[in-house]
Amino acid sequence: FLLSFKRRHNRVRADDVACRELTVALTA
């Protein structure tokens, strides 16, 4: 009963990048 309420449904946000020459990935 409570597992669905306890799980967080965080969506990954992906914005379009204006300058596609540089990509940065951080594990945070």
mmCIF file of all heavy atoms, coordinates in Angstrom:
data_MODEL
# 
_entry.id   MODEL 
# 
loop_
_atom_site.group_PDB 
_atom_site.id 
_atom_site.type_symbol 
_atom_site.label_atom_id 
_atom_site.label_alt_id 
_atom_site.label_comp_id 
_atom_site.label_asym_id 
_atom_site.label_entity_id 
_atom_site.label_seq_id 
_atom_site.pdbx_PDB_ins_code 
_atom_site.Cartn_x 
_atom_site.Cartn_y 
_atom_site.Cartn_z 
_atom_site.occupancy 
_atom_site.B_iso_or_equiv 
_atom_site.pdbx_formal_charge 
_atom_site.auth_seq_id 
_atom_site.auth_comp_id 
_atom_site.auth_asym_id 
_atom_site.auth_atom_id 
_atom_site.pdbx_PDB_model_num 
ATOM 1   N N   . PHE A 1 1  ? 0.789  -1.224 0.000   1.00 0.00 ? 1  PHE A N   1 
ATOM 2   C CA  . PHE A 1 1  ? 0.000  0.000  0.000   1.00 0.00 ? 1  PHE A CA  1 
ATOM 3   C C   . PHE A 1 1  ? 0.825  1.279  0.000   1.00 0.00 ? 1  PHE A C   1 
ATOM 4   O O   . PHE A 1 1  ? 0.430  2.276  -0.596  1.00 0.00 ? 1  PHE A O   1 
ATOM 5   C CB  . PHE A 1 1  ? -0.942 0.016  1.209   1.00 0.00 ? 1  PHE A CB  1 
ATOM 6   C CG  . PHE A 1 1  ? -1.885 -1.145 1.228   1.00 0.00 ? 1  PHE A CG  1 
ATOM 7   C CD1 . PHE A 1 1  ? -1.819 -2.095 2.225   1.00 0.00 ? 1  PHE A CD1 1 
ATOM 8   C CD2 . PHE A 1 1  ? -2.830 -1.305 0.232   1.00 0.00 ? 1  PHE A CD2 1 
ATOM 9   C CE1 . PHE A 1 1  ? -2.672 -3.175 2.244   1.00 0.00 ? 1  PHE A CE1 1 
ATOM 10  C CE2 . PHE A 1 1  ? -3.694 -2.386 0.236   1.00 0.00 ? 1  PHE A CE2 1 
ATOM 11  C CZ  . PHE A 1 1  ? -3.613 -3.320 1.246   1.00 0.00 ? 1  PHE A CZ  1 
ATOM 12  N N   . LEU A 1 2  ? 1.956  1.282  0.682   1.00 0.00 ? 2  LEU A N   1 
ATOM 13  C CA  . LEU A 1 2  ? 2.694  2.531  0.856   1.00 0.00 ? 2  LEU A CA  1 
ATOM 14  C C   . LEU A 1 2  ? 3.884  2.693  -0.070  1.00 0.00 ? 2  LEU A C   1 
ATOM 15  O O   . LEU A 1 2  ? 4.431  3.779  -0.166  1.00 0.00 ? 2  LEU A O   1 
ATOM 16  C CB  . LEU A 1 2  ? 3.172  2.651  2.307   1.00 0.00 ? 2  LEU A CB  1 
ATOM 17  C CG  . LEU A 1 2  ? 2.070  2.650  3.366   1.00 0.00 ? 2  LEU A CG  1 
ATOM 18  C CD1 . LEU A 1 2  ? 2.681  2.701  4.746   1.00 0.00 ? 2  LEU A CD1 1 
ATOM 19  C CD2 . LEU A 1 2  ? 1.130  3.801  3.137   1.00 0.00 ? 2  LEU A CD2 1 
ATOM 20  N N   . LEU A 1 3  ? 4.295  1.633  -0.754  1.00 0.00 ? 3  LEU A N   1 
ATOM 21  C CA  . LEU A 1 3  ? 5.497  1.718  -1.579  1.00 0.00 ? 3  LEU A CA  1 
ATOM 22  C C   . LEU A 1 3  ? 5.333  2.714  -2.714  1.00 0.00 ? 3  LEU A C   1 
ATOM 23  O O   . LEU A 1 3  ? 6.250  3.475  -3.019  1.00 0.00 ? 3  LEU A O   1 
ATOM 24  C CB  . LEU A 1 3  ? 5.861  0.341  -2.139  1.00 0.00 ? 3  LEU A CB  1 
ATOM 25  C CG  . LEU A 1 3  ? 7.156  0.283  -2.934  1.00 0.00 ? 3  LEU A CG  1 
ATOM 26  C CD1 . LEU A 1 3  ? 8.336  0.613  -2.026  1.00 0.00 ? 3  LEU A CD1 1 
ATOM 27  C CD2 . LEU A 1 3  ? 7.346  -1.079 -3.554  1.00 0.00 ? 3  LEU A CD2 1 
ATOM 28  N N   . SER A 1 4  ? 4.160  2.758  -3.320  1.00 0.00 ? 4  SER A N   1 
ATOM 29  C CA  . SER A 1 4  ? 3.967  3.691  -4.429  1.00 0.00 ? 4  SER A CA  1 
ATOM 30  C C   . SER A 1 4  ? 4.007  5.140  -3.962  1.00 0.00 ? 4  SER A C   1 
ATOM 31  O O   . SER A 1 4  ? 4.403  6.024  -4.716  1.00 0.00 ? 4  SER A O   1 
ATOM 32  C CB  . SER A 1 4  ? 2.641  3.406  -5.132  1.00 0.00 ? 4  SER A CB  1 
ATOM 33  O OG  . SER A 1 4  ? 1.568  3.598  -4.233  1.00 0.00 ? 4  SER A OG  1 
ATOM 34  N N   . PHE A 1 5  ? 3.624  5.396  -2.718  1.00 0.00 ? 5  PHE A N   1 
ATOM 35  C CA  . PHE A 1 5  ? 3.701  6.758  -2.190  1.00 0.00 ? 5  PHE A CA  1 
ATOM 36  C C   . PHE A 1 5  ? 5.123  7.123  -1.786  1.00 0.00 ? 5  PHE A C   1 
ATOM 37  O O   . PHE A 1 5  ? 5.510  8.287  -1.828  1.00 0.00 ? 5  PHE A O   1 
ATOM 38  C CB  . PHE A 1 5  ? 2.785  6.927  -0.971  1.00 0.00 ? 5  PHE A CB  1 
ATOM 39  C CG  . PHE A 1 5  ? 1.340  6.839  -1.303  1.00 0.00 ? 5  PHE A CG  1 
ATOM 40  C CD1 . PHE A 1 5  ? 0.596  5.761  -0.881  1.00 0.00 ? 5  PHE A CD1 1 
ATOM 41  C CD2 . PHE A 1 5  ? 0.720  7.828  -2.040  1.00 0.00 ? 5  PHE A CD2 1 
ATOM 42  C CE1 . PHE A 1 5  ? -0.744 5.664  -1.173  1.00 0.00 ? 5  PHE A CE1 1 
ATOM 43  C CE2 . PHE A 1 5  ? -0.616 7.732  -2.352  1.00 0.00 ? 5  PHE A CE2 1 
ATOM 44  C CZ  . PHE A 1 5  ? -1.356 6.655  -1.916  1.00 0.00 ? 5  PHE A CZ  1 
ATOM 45  N N   . LYS A 1 6  ? 5.894  6.128  -1.352  1.00 0.00 ? 6  LYS A N   1 
ATOM 46  C CA  . LYS A 1 6  ? 7.248  6.396  -0.885  1.00 0.00 ? 6  LYS A CA  1 
ATOM 47  C C   . LYS A 1 6  ? 8.231  6.603  -2.034  1.00 0.00 ? 6  LYS A C   1 
ATOM 48  O O   . LYS A 1 6  ? 9.235  7.280  -1.868  1.00 0.00 ? 6  LYS A O   1 
ATOM 49  C CB  . LYS A 1 6  ? 7.744  5.245  -0.010  1.00 0.00 ? 6  LYS A CB  1 
ATOM 50  C CG  . LYS A 1 6  ? 7.075  5.200  1.328   1.00 0.00 ? 6  LYS A CG  1 
ATOM 51  C CD  . LYS A 1 6  ? 7.630  4.072  2.154   1.00 0.00 ? 6  LYS A CD  1 
ATOM 52  C CE  . LYS A 1 6  ? 6.985  4.063  3.518   1.00 0.00 ? 6  LYS A CE  1 
ATOM 53  N NZ  . LYS A 1 6  ? 7.591  3.072  4.382   1.00 0.00 ? 6  LYS A NZ  1 
ATOM 54  N N   . ARG A 1 7  ? 7.954  5.995  -3.155  1.00 0.00 ? 7  ARG A N   1 
ATOM 55  C CA  . ARG A 1 7  ? 8.868  6.138  -4.290  1.00 0.00 ? 7  ARG A CA  1 
ATOM 56  C C   . ARG A 1 7  ? 8.721  7.516  -4.891  1.00 0.00 ? 7  ARG A C   1 
ATOM 57  O O   . ARG A 1 7  ? 7.631  8.001  -5.118  1.00 0.00 ? 7  ARG A O   1 
ATOM 58  C CB  . ARG A 1 7  ? 8.569  5.078  -5.346  1.00 0.00 ? 7  ARG A CB  1 
ATOM 59  C CG  . ARG A 1 7  ? 8.854  3.696  -4.843  1.00 0.00 ? 7  ARG A CG  1 
ATOM 60  C CD  . ARG A 1 7  ? 8.631  2.695  -5.895  1.00 0.00 ? 7  ARG A CD  1 
ATOM 61  N NE  . ARG A 1 7  ? 9.643  2.861  -6.924  1.00 0.00 ? 7  ARG A NE  1 
ATOM 62  C CZ  . ARG A 1 7  ? 9.643  2.207  -8.070  1.00 0.00 ? 7  ARG A CZ  1 
ATOM 63  N NH1 . ARG A 1 7  ? 8.687  1.374  -8.325  1.00 0.00 ? 7  ARG A NH1 1 
ATOM 64  N NH2 . ARG A 1 7  ? 10.584 2.396  -8.937  1.00 0.00 ? 7  ARG A NH2 1 
ATOM 65  N N   . ARG A 1 8  ? 9.808  8.122  -5.139  1.00 0.00 ? 8  ARG A N   1 
ATOM 66  C CA  . ARG A 1 8  ? 9.787  9.447  -5.754  1.00 0.00 ? 8  ARG A CA  1 
ATOM 67  C C   . ARG A 1 8  ? 9.838  9.287  -7.261  1.00 0.00 ? 8  ARG A C   1 
ATOM 68  O O   . ARG A 1 8  ? 10.638 8.533  -7.798  1.00 0.00 ? 8  ARG A O   1 
ATOM 69  C CB  . ARG A 1 8  ? 10.974 10.263 -5.288  1.00 0.00 ? 8  ARG A CB  1 
ATOM 70  C CG  . ARG A 1 8  ? 10.900 10.576 -3.830  1.00 0.00 ? 8  ARG A CG  1 
ATOM 71  C CD  . ARG A 1 8  ? 12.018 11.468 -3.434  1.00 0.00 ? 8  ARG A CD  1 
ATOM 72  N NE  . ARG A 1 8  ? 11.921 11.741 -2.007  1.00 0.00 ? 8  ARG A NE  1 
ATOM 73  C CZ  . ARG A 1 8  ? 12.834 12.343 -1.327  1.00 0.00 ? 8  ARG A CZ  1 
ATOM 74  N NH1 . ARG A 1 8  ? 13.932 12.750 -1.906  1.00 0.00 ? 8  ARG A NH1 1 
ATOM 75  N NH2 . ARG A 1 8  ? 12.678 12.555 -0.051  1.00 0.00 ? 8  ARG A NH2 1 
ATOM 76  N N   . HIS A 1 9  ? 8.981  10.005 -7.908  1.00 0.00 ? 9  HIS A N   1 
ATOM 77  C CA  . HIS A 1 9  ? 8.941  9.954  -9.358  1.00 0.00 ? 9  HIS A CA  1 
ATOM 78  C C   . HIS A 1 9  ? 9.601  11.214 -9.897  1.00 0.00 ? 9  HIS A C   1 
ATOM 79  O O   . HIS A 1 9  ? 8.951  12.139 -10.369 1.00 0.00 ? 9  HIS A O   1 
ATOM 80  C CB  . HIS A 1 9  ? 7.501  9.841  -9.858  1.00 0.00 ? 9  HIS A CB  1 
ATOM 81  C CG  . HIS A 1 9  ? 6.828  8.598  -9.374  1.00 0.00 ? 9  HIS A CG  1 
ATOM 82  N ND1 . HIS A 1 9  ? 7.150  7.356  -9.847  1.00 0.00 ? 9  HIS A ND1 1 
ATOM 83  C CD2 . HIS A 1 9  ? 5.880  8.392  -8.442  1.00 0.00 ? 9  HIS A CD2 1 
ATOM 84  C CE1 . HIS A 1 9  ? 6.417  6.448  -9.242  1.00 0.00 ? 9  HIS A CE1 1 
ATOM 85  N NE2 . HIS A 1 9  ? 5.634  7.052  -8.373  1.00 0.00 ? 9  HIS A NE2 1 
ATOM 86  N N   . ASN A 1 10 ? 10.904 11.247 -9.812  1.00 0.00 ? 10 ASN A N   1 
ATOM 87  C CA  . ASN A 1 10 ? 11.651 12.390 -10.332 1.00 0.00 ? 10 ASN A CA  1 
ATOM 88  C C   . ASN A 1 10 ? 11.913 12.165 -11.817 1.00 0.00 ? 10 ASN A C   1 
ATOM 89  O O   . ASN A 1 10 ? 12.466 11.155 -12.220 1.00 0.00 ? 10 ASN A O   1 
ATOM 90  C CB  . ASN A 1 10 ? 12.984 12.563 -9.602  1.00 0.00 ? 10 ASN A CB  1 
ATOM 91  C CG  . ASN A 1 10 ? 12.777 12.963 -8.155  1.00 0.00 ? 10 ASN A CG  1 
ATOM 92  O OD1 . ASN A 1 10 ? 11.755 13.537 -7.811  1.00 0.00 ? 10 ASN A OD1 1 
ATOM 93  N ND2 . ASN A 1 10 ? 13.745 12.653 -7.320  1.00 0.00 ? 10 ASN A ND2 1 
ATOM 94  N N   . ARG A 1 11 ? 11.496 13.096 -12.593 1.00 0.00 ? 11 ARG A N   1 
ATOM 95  C CA  . ARG A 1 11 ? 11.723 13.010 -14.028 1.00 0.00 ? 11 ARG A CA  1 
ATOM 96  C C   . ARG A 1 11 ? 13.073 13.644 -14.354 1.00 0.00 ? 11 ARG A C   1 
ATOM 97  O O   . ARG A 1 11 ? 13.488 14.616 -13.740 1.00 0.00 ? 11 ARG A O   1 
ATOM 98  C CB  . ARG A 1 11 ? 10.627 13.762 -14.782 1.00 0.00 ? 11 ARG A CB  1 
ATOM 99  C CG  . ARG A 1 11 ? 9.238  13.280 -14.446 1.00 0.00 ? 11 ARG A CG  1 
ATOM 100 C CD  . ARG A 1 11 ? 8.903  12.093 -15.287 1.00 0.00 ? 11 ARG A CD  1 
ATOM 101 N NE  . ARG A 1 11 ? 7.523  11.706 -15.039 1.00 0.00 ? 11 ARG A NE  1 
ATOM 102 C CZ  . ARG A 1 11 ? 7.150  10.477 -14.927 1.00 0.00 ? 11 ARG A CZ  1 
ATOM 103 N NH1 . ARG A 1 11 ? 8.003  9.515  -15.048 1.00 0.00 ? 11 ARG A NH1 1 
ATOM 104 N NH2 . ARG A 1 11 ? 5.886  10.183 -14.695 1.00 0.00 ? 11 ARG A NH2 1 
ATOM 105 N N   . VAL A 1 12 ? 13.740 13.110 -15.336 1.00 0.00 ? 12 VAL A N   1 
ATOM 106 C CA  . VAL A 1 12 ? 14.989 13.677 -15.792 1.00 0.00 ? 12 VAL A CA  1 
ATOM 107 C C   . VAL A 1 12 ? 14.659 14.837 -16.717 1.00 0.00 ? 12 VAL A C   1 
ATOM 108 O O   . VAL A 1 12 ? 13.894 14.697 -17.669 1.00 0.00 ? 12 VAL A O   1 
ATOM 109 C CB  . VAL A 1 12 ? 15.846 12.617 -16.526 1.00 0.00 ? 12 VAL A CB  1 
ATOM 110 C CG1 . VAL A 1 12 ? 17.091 13.234 -17.089 1.00 0.00 ? 12 VAL A CG1 1 
ATOM 111 C CG2 . VAL A 1 12 ? 16.171 11.484 -15.591 1.00 0.00 ? 12 VAL A CG2 1 
ATOM 112 N N   . ARG A 1 13 ? 15.235 15.973 -16.403 1.00 0.00 ? 13 ARG A N   1 
ATOM 113 C CA  . ARG A 1 13 ? 14.963 17.158 -17.211 1.00 0.00 ? 13 ARG A CA  1 
ATOM 114 C C   . ARG A 1 13 ? 16.060 17.310 -18.249 1.00 0.00 ? 13 ARG A C   1 
ATOM 115 O O   . ARG A 1 13 ? 17.243 17.288 -17.934 1.00 0.00 ? 13 ARG A O   1 
ATOM 116 C CB  . ARG A 1 13 ? 14.932 18.390 -16.305 1.00 0.00 ? 13 ARG A CB  1 
ATOM 117 C CG  . ARG A 1 13 ? 14.473 19.615 -17.020 1.00 0.00 ? 13 ARG A CG  1 
ATOM 118 C CD  . ARG A 1 13 ? 14.407 20.753 -16.057 1.00 0.00 ? 13 ARG A CD  1 
ATOM 119 N NE  . ARG A 1 13 ? 15.171 21.846 -16.631 1.00 0.00 ? 13 ARG A NE  1 
ATOM 120 C CZ  . ARG A 1 13 ? 15.502 22.915 -15.980 1.00 0.00 ? 13 ARG A CZ  1 
ATOM 121 N NH1 . ARG A 1 13 ? 15.199 23.031 -14.725 1.00 0.00 ? 13 ARG A NH1 1 
ATOM 122 N NH2 . ARG A 1 13 ? 16.172 23.858 -16.565 1.00 0.00 ? 13 ARG A NH2 1 
ATOM 123 N N   . ALA A 1 14 ? 15.674 17.441 -19.483 1.00 0.00 ? 14 ALA A N   1 
ATOM 124 C CA  . ALA A 1 14 ? 16.633 17.614 -20.574 1.00 0.00 ? 14 ALA A CA  1 
ATOM 125 C C   . ALA A 1 14 ? 16.233 18.843 -21.378 1.00 0.00 ? 14 ALA A C   1 
ATOM 126 O O   . ALA A 1 14 ? 15.179 18.867 -22.010 1.00 0.00 ? 14 ALA A O   1 
ATOM 127 C CB  . ALA A 1 14 ? 16.662 16.381 -21.461 1.00 0.00 ? 14 ALA A CB  1 
ATOM 128 N N   . ASP A 1 15 ? 17.043 19.866 -21.305 1.00 0.00 ? 15 ASP A N   1 
ATOM 129 C CA  . ASP A 1 15 ? 16.801 21.085 -22.079 1.00 0.00 ? 15 ASP A CA  1 
ATOM 130 C C   . ASP A 1 15 ? 17.646 21.044 -23.347 1.00 0.00 ? 15 ASP A C   1 
ATOM 131 O O   . ASP A 1 15 ? 18.748 20.489 -23.366 1.00 0.00 ? 15 ASP A O   1 
ATOM 132 C CB  . ASP A 1 15 ? 17.169 22.326 -21.266 1.00 0.00 ? 15 ASP A CB  1 
ATOM 133 C CG  . ASP A 1 15 ? 16.279 22.501 -20.056 1.00 0.00 ? 15 ASP A CG  1 
ATOM 134 O OD1 . ASP A 1 15 ? 15.116 22.063 -20.120 1.00 0.00 ? 15 ASP A OD1 1 
ATOM 135 O OD2 . ASP A 1 15 ? 16.746 23.070 -19.057 1.00 0.00 ? 15 ASP A OD2 1 
ATOM 136 N N   . ASP A 1 16 ? 17.130 21.641 -24.398 1.00 0.00 ? 16 ASP A N   1 
ATOM 137 C CA  . ASP A 1 16 ? 17.909 21.742 -25.626 1.00 0.00 ? 16 ASP A CA  1 
ATOM 138 C C   . ASP A 1 16 ? 19.079 22.695 -25.394 1.00 0.00 ? 16 ASP A C   1 
ATOM 139 O O   . ASP A 1 16 ? 18.940 23.761 -24.801 1.00 0.00 ? 16 ASP A O   1 
ATOM 140 C CB  . ASP A 1 16 ? 17.035 22.262 -26.769 1.00 0.00 ? 16 ASP A CB  1 
ATOM 141 C CG  . ASP A 1 16 ? 15.999 21.230 -27.193 1.00 0.00 ? 16 ASP A CG  1 
ATOM 142 O OD1 . ASP A 1 16 ? 16.291 20.025 -27.009 1.00 0.00 ? 16 ASP A OD1 1 
ATOM 143 O OD2 . ASP A 1 16 ? 14.937 21.621 -27.696 1.00 0.00 ? 16 ASP A OD2 1 
ATOM 144 N N   . VAL A 1 17 ? 20.232 22.290 -25.876 1.00 0.00 ? 17 VAL A N   1 
ATOM 145 C CA  . VAL A 1 17 ? 21.446 23.081 -25.704 1.00 0.00 ? 17 VAL A CA  1 
ATOM 146 C C   . VAL A 1 17 ? 21.650 23.918 -26.950 1.00 0.00 ? 17 VAL A C   1 
ATOM 147 O O   . VAL A 1 17 ? 21.612 23.416 -28.078 1.00 0.00 ? 17 VAL A O   1 
ATOM 148 C CB  . VAL A 1 17 ? 22.655 22.154 -25.473 1.00 0.00 ? 17 VAL A CB  1 
ATOM 149 C CG1 . VAL A 1 17 ? 23.931 22.943 -25.303 1.00 0.00 ? 17 VAL A CG1 1 
ATOM 150 C CG2 . VAL A 1 17 ? 22.402 21.273 -24.264 1.00 0.00 ? 17 VAL A CG2 1 
ATOM 151 N N   . ALA A 1 18 ? 21.882 25.230 -26.743 1.00 0.00 ? 18 ALA A N   1 
ATOM 152 C CA  . ALA A 1 18 ? 22.083 26.122 -27.883 1.00 0.00 ? 18 ALA A CA  1 
ATOM 153 C C   . ALA A 1 18 ? 23.445 25.853 -28.528 1.00 0.00 ? 18 ALA A C   1 
ATOM 154 O O   . ALA A 1 18 ? 23.568 25.828 -29.747 1.00 0.00 ? 18 ALA A O   1 
ATOM 155 C CB  . ALA A 1 18 ? 21.982 27.578 -27.433 1.00 0.00 ? 18 ALA A CB  1 
ATOM 156 N N   . CYS A 1 19 ? 24.463 25.657 -27.737 1.00 0.00 ? 19 CYS A N   1 
ATOM 157 C CA  . CYS A 1 19 ? 25.802 25.391 -28.255 1.00 0.00 ? 19 CYS A CA  1 
ATOM 158 C C   . CYS A 1 19 ? 26.082 23.905 -28.078 1.00 0.00 ? 19 CYS A C   1 
ATOM 159 O O   . CYS A 1 19 ? 26.264 23.425 -26.976 1.00 0.00 ? 19 CYS A O   1 
ATOM 160 C CB  . CYS A 1 19 ? 26.836 26.233 -27.504 1.00 0.00 ? 19 CYS A CB  1 
ATOM 161 S SG  . CYS A 1 19 ? 28.515 25.909 -28.037 1.00 0.00 ? 19 CYS A SG  1 
ATOM 162 N N   . ARG A 1 20 ? 26.149 23.169 -29.180 1.00 0.00 ? 20 ARG A N   1 
ATOM 163 C CA  . ARG A 1 20 ? 26.313 21.721 -29.104 1.00 0.00 ? 20 ARG A CA  1 
ATOM 164 C C   . ARG A 1 20 ? 27.773 21.292 -29.178 1.00 0.00 ? 20 ARG A C   1 
ATOM 165 O O   . ARG A 1 20 ? 28.064 20.129 -29.413 1.00 0.00 ? 20 ARG A O   1 
ATOM 166 C CB  . ARG A 1 20 ? 25.520 21.065 -30.224 1.00 0.00 ? 20 ARG A CB  1 
ATOM 167 C CG  . ARG A 1 20 ? 24.032 21.280 -30.067 1.00 0.00 ? 20 ARG A CG  1 
ATOM 168 C CD  . ARG A 1 20 ? 23.275 20.580 -31.165 1.00 0.00 ? 20 ARG A CD  1 
ATOM 169 N NE  . ARG A 1 20 ? 21.867 20.836 -31.051 1.00 0.00 ? 20 ARG A NE  1 
ATOM 170 C CZ  . ARG A 1 20 ? 21.001 19.997 -30.501 1.00 0.00 ? 20 ARG A CZ  1 
ATOM 171 N NH1 . ARG A 1 20 ? 21.418 18.848 -30.045 1.00 0.00 ? 20 ARG A NH1 1 
ATOM 172 N NH2 . ARG A 1 20 ? 19.729 20.310 -30.432 1.00 0.00 ? 20 ARG A NH2 1 
ATOM 173 N N   . GLU A 1 21 ? 28.678 22.197 -28.949 1.00 0.00 ? 21 GLU A N   1 
ATOM 174 C CA  . GLU A 1 21 ? 30.085 21.839 -29.025 1.00 0.00 ? 21 GLU A CA  1 
ATOM 175 C C   . GLU A 1 21 ? 30.635 21.313 -27.708 1.00 0.00 ? 21 GLU A C   1 
ATOM 176 O O   . GLU A 1 21 ? 31.689 20.714 -27.672 1.00 0.00 ? 21 GLU A O   1 
ATOM 177 C CB  . GLU A 1 21 ? 30.895 23.068 -29.446 1.00 0.00 ? 21 GLU A CB  1 
ATOM 178 C CG  . GLU A 1 21 ? 30.540 23.563 -30.834 1.00 0.00 ? 21 GLU A CG  1 
ATOM 179 C CD  . GLU A 1 21 ? 31.205 24.882 -31.162 1.00 0.00 ? 21 GLU A CD  1 
ATOM 180 O OE1 . GLU A 1 21 ? 31.998 25.360 -30.348 1.00 0.00 ? 21 GLU A OE1 1 
ATOM 181 O OE2 . GLU A 1 21 ? 30.932 25.419 -32.231 1.00 0.00 ? 21 GLU A OE2 1 
ATOM 182 N N   . LEU A 1 22 ? 29.938 21.537 -26.632 1.00 0.00 ? 22 LEU A N   1 
ATOM 183 C CA  . LEU A 1 22 ? 30.437 21.145 -25.324 1.00 0.00 ? 22 LEU A CA  1 
ATOM 184 C C   . LEU A 1 22 ? 29.342 20.399 -24.566 1.00 0.00 ? 22 LEU A C   1 
ATOM 185 O O   . LEU A 1 22 ? 28.206 20.847 -24.504 1.00 0.00 ? 22 LEU A O   1 
ATOM 186 C CB  . LEU A 1 22 ? 30.852 22.387 -24.520 1.00 0.00 ? 22 LEU A CB  1 
ATOM 187 C CG  . LEU A 1 22 ? 31.328 22.142 -23.097 1.00 0.00 ? 22 LEU A CG  1 
ATOM 188 C CD1 . LEU A 1 22 ? 32.643 21.376 -23.111 1.00 0.00 ? 22 LEU A CD1 1 
ATOM 189 C CD2 . LEU A 1 22 ? 31.493 23.459 -22.380 1.00 0.00 ? 22 LEU A CD2 1 
ATOM 190 N N   . THR A 1 23 ? 29.697 19.264 -24.008 1.00 0.00 ? 23 THR A N   1 
ATOM 191 C CA  . THR A 1 23 ? 28.762 18.494 -23.188 1.00 0.00 ? 23 THR A CA  1 
ATOM 192 C C   . THR A 1 23 ? 29.419 18.206 -21.851 1.00 0.00 ? 23 THR A C   1 
ATOM 193 O O   . THR A 1 23 ? 30.564 17.771 -21.797 1.00 0.00 ? 23 THR A O   1 
ATOM 194 C CB  . THR A 1 23 ? 28.397 17.162 -23.868 1.00 0.00 ? 23 THR A CB  1 
ATOM 195 O OG1 . THR A 1 23 ? 27.828 17.438 -25.149 1.00 0.00 ? 23 THR A OG1 1 
ATOM 196 C CG2 . THR A 1 23 ? 27.410 16.381 -23.034 1.00 0.00 ? 23 THR A CG2 1 
ATOM 197 N N   . VAL A 1 24 ? 28.696 18.461 -20.782 1.00 0.00 ? 24 VAL A N   1 
ATOM 198 C CA  . VAL A 1 24 ? 29.200 18.216 -19.428 1.00 0.00 ? 24 VAL A CA  1 
ATOM 199 C C   . VAL A 1 24 ? 28.242 17.254 -18.744 1.00 0.00 ? 24 VAL A C   1 
ATOM 200 O O   . VAL A 1 24 ? 27.036 17.459 -18.756 1.00 0.00 ? 24 VAL A O   1 
ATOM 201 C CB  . VAL A 1 24 ? 29.296 19.529 -18.622 1.00 0.00 ? 24 VAL A CB  1 
ATOM 202 C CG1 . VAL A 1 24 ? 29.735 19.246 -17.197 1.00 0.00 ? 24 VAL A CG1 1 
ATOM 203 C CG2 . VAL A 1 24 ? 30.233 20.500 -19.294 1.00 0.00 ? 24 VAL A CG2 1 
ATOM 204 N N   . ALA A 1 25 ? 28.778 16.208 -18.157 1.00 0.00 ? 25 ALA A N   1 
ATOM 205 C CA  . ALA A 1 25 ? 27.963 15.259 -17.406 1.00 0.00 ? 25 ALA A CA  1 
ATOM 206 C C   . ALA A 1 25 ? 28.505 15.189 -15.983 1.00 0.00 ? 25 ALA A C   1 
ATOM 207 O O   . ALA A 1 25 ? 29.699 14.966 -15.775 1.00 0.00 ? 25 ALA A O   1 
ATOM 208 C CB  . ALA A 1 25 ? 28.016 13.880 -18.053 1.00 0.00 ? 25 ALA A CB  1 
ATOM 209 N N   . LEU A 1 26 ? 27.638 15.415 -15.017 1.00 0.00 ? 26 LEU A N   1 
ATOM 210 C CA  . LEU A 1 26 ? 28.025 15.347 -13.612 1.00 0.00 ? 26 LEU A CA  1 
ATOM 211 C C   . LEU A 1 26 ? 27.223 14.248 -12.935 1.00 0.00 ? 26 LEU A C   1 
ATOM 212 O O   . LEU A 1 26 ? 26.016 14.155 -13.118 1.00 0.00 ? 26 LEU A O   1 
ATOM 213 C CB  . LEU A 1 26 ? 27.733 16.678 -12.901 1.00 0.00 ? 26 LEU A CB  1 
ATOM 214 C CG  . LEU A 1 26 ? 28.507 17.896 -13.373 1.00 0.00 ? 26 LEU A CG  1 
ATOM 215 C CD1 . LEU A 1 26 ? 27.984 19.137 -12.671 1.00 0.00 ? 26 LEU A CD1 1 
ATOM 216 C CD2 . LEU A 1 26 ? 29.974 17.716 -13.079 1.00 0.00 ? 26 LEU A CD2 1 
ATOM 217 N N   . THR A 1 27 ? 27.888 13.429 -12.170 1.00 0.00 ? 27 THR A N   1 
ATOM 218 C CA  . THR A 1 27 ? 27.168 12.464 -11.351 1.00 0.00 ? 27 THR A CA  1 
ATOM 219 C C   . THR A 1 27 ? 26.995 13.121 -9.994  1.00 0.00 ? 27 THR A C   1 
ATOM 220 O O   . THR A 1 27 ? 27.953 13.328 -9.262  1.00 0.00 ? 27 THR A O   1 
ATOM 221 C CB  . THR A 1 27 ? 27.958 11.157 -11.223 1.00 0.00 ? 27 THR A CB  1 
ATOM 222 O OG1 . THR A 1 27 ? 29.238 11.449 -10.693 1.00 0.00 ? 27 THR A OG1 1 
ATOM 223 C CG2 . THR A 1 27 ? 28.110 10.483 -12.572 1.00 0.00 ? 27 THR A CG2 1 
ATOM 224 N N   . ALA A 1 28 ? 25.787 13.480 -9.683  1.00 0.00 ? 28 ALA A N   1 
ATOM 225 C CA  . ALA A 1 28 ? 25.540 14.239 -8.454  1.00 0.00 ? 28 ALA A CA  1 
ATOM 226 C C   . ALA A 1 28 ? 24.278 13.764 -7.759  1.00 0.00 ? 28 ALA A C   1 
ATOM 227 O O   . ALA A 1 28 ? 23.422 14.543 -7.413  1.00 0.00 ? 28 ALA A O   1 
ATOM 228 C CB  . ALA A 1 28 ? 25.445 15.720 -8.791  1.00 0.00 ? 28 ALA A CB  1 
# 
